[in-house]
């Protein structure tokens, strides 16, 4: 049934001309194409970009790498720099910041002695 409905929408959509697309409002196009269908038109909302990144989220991601991996990166790079792929916000964590990511965590290290 879904596929049948999708095919119907495609067939109806193919009937509109380039001139109609250029000259008619969106509501007029919808009415011309789908006047026999049950169509709901929602209120318009302005389109805007919102990125939800922040330093705390980046810090949580870094914690998942573990203290050993973080220290290895810091030994090579002296700082960890993360760029958000969506908004390009830059986050920088130096050695002090990185150690604070794991402050309060209890980690168990096996003793080096053998019995």
C-alpha atoms as a PDB file:
ATOM      1  CA  UNK A   1       0.000   0.000   0.000  1.00  0.00           C
ATOM      2  CA  UNK A   2       2.865   2.402   0.819  1.00  0.00           C
ATOM      3  CA  UNK A   3       4.578   1.666  -2.472  1.00  0.00           C
ATOM      4  CA  UNK A   4       1.311   2.186  -4.331  1.00  0.00           C
ATOM      5  CA  UNK A   5       0.828   5.553  -2.621  1.00  0.00           C
ATOM      6  CA  UNK A   6       4.387   6.580  -3.408  1.00  0.00           C
ATOM      7  CA  UNK A   7       3.922   5.630  -7.066  1.00  0.00           C
ATOM      8  CA  UNK A   8       0.743   7.733  -7.190  1.00  0.00           C
ATOM      9  CA  UNK A   9       2.542  10.761  -5.726  1.00  0.00           C
ATOM     10  CA  UNK A  10       5.332  10.369  -8.292  1.00  0.00           C
ATOM     11  CA  UNK A  11       2.873  10.132 -11.176  1.00  0.00           C
ATOM     12  CA  UNK A  12       0.964  13.212 -10.035  1.00  0.00           C
ATOM     13  CA  UNK A  13       4.178  15.155  -9.442  1.00  0.00           C
ATOM     14  CA  UNK A  14       5.367  14.430 -12.967  1.00  0.00           C
ATOM     15  CA  UNK A  15       2.345  16.295 -14.385  1.00  0.00           C
ATOM     16  CA  UNK A  16       3.434  19.758 -13.243  1.00  0.00           C
ATOM     17  CA  UNK A  17       5.164  21.962 -15.775  1.00  0.00           C
ATOM     18  CA  UNK A  18       8.275  24.039 -15.285  1.00  0.00           C
ATOM     19  CA  UNK A  19       6.203  27.167 -15.921  1.00  0.00           C
ATOM     20  CA  UNK A  20       3.735  26.231 -13.176  1.00  0.00           C
ATOM     21  CA  UNK A  21       6.562  25.673 -10.723  1.00  0.00           C
ATOM     22  CA  UNK A  22       7.955  29.109 -11.539  1.00  0.00           C
ATOM     23  CA  UNK A  23       4.684  31.033 -11.473  1.00  0.00           C
ATOM     24  CA  UNK A  24       2.443  29.396  -8.877  1.00  0.00           C
ATOM     25  CA  UNK A  25       2.668  29.620  -5.116  1.00  0.00           C
ATOM     26  CA  UNK A  26       3.462  26.471  -3.170  1.00  0.00           C
ATOM     27  CA  UNK A  27      -0.164  26.160  -2.038  1.00  0.00           C
ATOM     28  CA  UNK A  28      -1.418  26.477  -5.618  1.00  0.00           C
ATOM     29  CA  UNK A  29       0.990  23.759  -6.777  1.00  0.00           C
ATOM     30  CA  UNK A  30      -0.146  21.453  -3.982  1.00  0.00           C
ATOM     31  CA  UNK A  31      -3.797  22.087  -4.830  1.00  0.00           C
ATOM     32  CA  UNK A  32      -3.265  21.474  -8.554  1.00  0.00           C
ATOM     33  CA  UNK A  33      -1.383  18.250  -7.991  1.00  0.00           C
ATOM     34  CA  UNK A  34      -3.165  16.742  -5.025  1.00  0.00           C
ATOM     35  CA  UNK A  35      -6.665  18.275  -4.868  1.00  0.00           C
ATOM     36  CA  UNK A  36      -8.214  14.796  -4.738  1.00  0.00           C
ATOM     37  CA  UNK A  37      -5.940  13.712  -1.889  1.00  0.00           C
ATOM     38  CA  UNK A  38      -6.199  14.365   1.836  1.00  0.00           C
ATOM     39  CA  UNK A  39      -3.385  16.901   2.251  1.00  0.00           C
ATOM     40  CA  UNK A  40      -2.449  18.713   5.449  1.00  0.00           C
ATOM     41  CA  UNK A  41      -0.506  21.957   5.187  1.00  0.00           C
ATOM     42  CA  UNK A  42       1.442  22.892   8.303  1.00  0.00           C
ATOM     43  CA  UNK A  43       2.265  26.374   9.530  1.00  0.00           C
ATOM     44  CA  UNK A  44       5.483  27.719   8.092  1.00  0.00           C
ATOM     45  CA  UNK A  45       8.554  27.957  10.260  1.00  0.00           C
ATOM     46  CA  UNK A  46      11.696  29.866   9.452  1.00  0.00           C
ATOM     47  CA  UNK A  47      14.573  27.618   8.563  1.00  0.00           C
ATOM     48  CA  UNK A  48      17.569  28.095  10.785  1.00  0.00           C
ATOM     49  CA  UNK A  49      20.587  26.069  11.723  1.00  0.00           C
ATOM     50  CA  UNK A  50      21.085  25.105  15.338  1.00  0.00           C
ATOM     51  CA  UNK A  51      24.011  23.023  16.445  1.00  0.00           C
ATOM     52  CA  UNK A  52      23.762  21.330  19.813  1.00  0.00           C
ATOM     53  CA  UNK A  53      27.491  20.914  20.359  1.00  0.00           C
ATOM     54  CA  UNK A  54      29.153  22.262  23.486  1.00  0.00           C
ATOM     55  CA  UNK A  55      32.327  21.687  25.463  1.00  0.00           C
ATOM     56  CA  UNK A  56      30.615  19.275  27.860  1.00  0.00           C
ATOM     57  CA  UNK A  57      29.480  17.006  25.011  1.00  0.00           C
ATOM     58  CA  UNK A  58      32.958  17.013  23.527  1.00  0.00           C
ATOM     59  CA  UNK A  59      34.401  16.237  26.963  1.00  0.00           C
ATOM     60  CA  UNK A  60      32.024  13.274  27.309  1.00  0.00           C
ATOM     61  CA  UNK A  61      33.150  11.990  23.915  1.00  0.00           C
ATOM     62  CA  UNK A  62      36.796  12.291  24.955  1.00  0.00           C
ATOM     63  CA  UNK A  63      36.085  10.370  28.167  1.00  0.00           C
ATOM     64  CA  UNK A  64      34.964   7.423  26.058  1.00  0.00           C
ATOM     65  CA  UNK A  65      38.487   7.201  24.643  1.00  0.00           C
ATOM     66  CA  UNK A  66      39.887   6.526  28.109  1.00  0.00           C
ATOM     67  CA  UNK A  67      42.720   8.149  30.009  1.00  0.00           C
ATOM     68  CA  UNK A  68      45.464   6.092  28.347  1.00  0.00           C
ATOM     69  CA  UNK A  69      44.398   7.084  24.833  1.00  0.00           C
ATOM     70  CA  UNK A  70      44.044  10.735  25.868  1.00  0.00           C
ATOM     71  CA  UNK A  71      47.537  10.743  27.376  1.00  0.00           C
ATOM     72  CA  UNK A  72      48.962   9.117  24.239  1.00  0.00           C
ATOM     73  CA  UNK A  73      47.427  11.855  22.086  1.00  0.00           C
ATOM     74  CA  UNK A  74      48.730  14.552  24.423  1.00  0.00           C
ATOM     75  CA  UNK A  75      52.245  13.070  24.278  1.00  0.00           C
ATOM     76  CA  UNK A  76      52.218  13.522  20.504  1.00  0.00           C
ATOM     77  CA  UNK A  77      50.130  16.659  20.039  1.00  0.00           C
ATOM     78  CA  UNK A  78      50.446  18.511  23.414  1.00  0.00           C
ATOM     79  CA  UNK A  79      46.732  19.374  23.131  1.00  0.00           C
ATOM     80  CA  UNK A  80      43.569  17.778  21.838  1.00  0.00           C
ATOM     81  CA  UNK A  81      41.682  19.835  19.301  1.00  0.00           C
ATOM     82  CA  UNK A  82      38.195  18.879  18.203  1.00  0.00           C
ATOM     83  CA  UNK A  83      36.225  20.666  15.490  1.00  0.00           C
ATOM     84  CA  UNK A  84      32.469  20.240  15.271  1.00  0.00           C
ATOM     85  CA  UNK A  85      31.648  18.941  11.789  1.00  0.00           C
ATOM     86  CA  UNK A  86      28.339  20.828  11.756  1.00  0.00           C
ATOM     87  CA  UNK A  87      29.116  24.353  12.979  1.00  0.00           C
ATOM     88  CA  UNK A  88      32.943  24.312  12.866  1.00  0.00           C
ATOM     89  CA  UNK A  89      33.201  25.327  16.531  1.00  0.00           C
ATOM     90  CA  UNK A  90      36.702  24.531  17.800  1.00  0.00           C
ATOM     91  CA  UNK A  91      37.319  22.906  21.187  1.00  0.00           C
ATOM     92  CA  UNK A  92      40.800  22.651  22.695  1.00  0.00           C
ATOM     93  CA  UNK A  93      41.832  20.531  25.666  1.00  0.00           C
ATOM     94  CA  UNK A  94      45.345  20.849  27.080  1.00  0.00           C
ATOM     95  CA  UNK A  95      46.916  18.381  29.513  1.00  0.00           C
ATOM     96  CA  UNK A  96      45.291  20.030  32.547  1.00  0.00           C
ATOM     97  CA  UNK A  97      41.855  20.007  30.888  1.00  0.00           C
ATOM     98  CA  UNK A  98      42.319  16.381  29.876  1.00  0.00           C
ATOM     99  CA  UNK A  99      43.299  15.266  33.376  1.00  0.00           C
ATOM    100  CA  UNK A 100      40.219  17.020  34.766  1.00  0.00           C
ATOM    101  CA  UNK A 101      38.062  14.928  32.440  1.00  0.00           C
ATOM    102  CA  UNK A 102      38.973  11.918  34.534  1.00  0.00           C
ATOM    103  CA  UNK A 103      39.234  13.594  37.954  1.00  0.00           C
ATOM    104  CA  UNK A 104      37.313  11.662  40.546  1.00  0.00           C
ATOM    105  CA  UNK A 105      37.340   8.426  38.574  1.00  0.00           C
ATOM    106  CA  UNK A 106      38.855   5.510  40.377  1.00  0.00           C
ATOM    107  CA  UNK A 107      40.932   3.344  38.092  1.00  0.00           C
ATOM    108  CA  UNK A 108      42.336   0.018  39.117  1.00  0.00           C
ATOM    109  CA  UNK A 109      45.866  -0.855  38.104  1.00  0.00           C
ATOM    110  CA  UNK A 110      47.143  -4.323  38.825  1.00  0.00           C
ATOM    111  CA  UNK A 111      50.289  -4.345  40.951  1.00  0.00           C
ATOM    112  CA  UNK A 112      53.557  -4.966  39.128  1.00  0.00           C
ATOM    113  CA  UNK A 113      54.717  -7.560  41.662  1.00  0.00           C
ATOM    114  CA  UNK A 114      54.459 -11.273  41.030  1.00  0.00           C
ATOM    115  CA  UNK A 115      53.648 -13.851  43.683  1.00  0.00           C
END
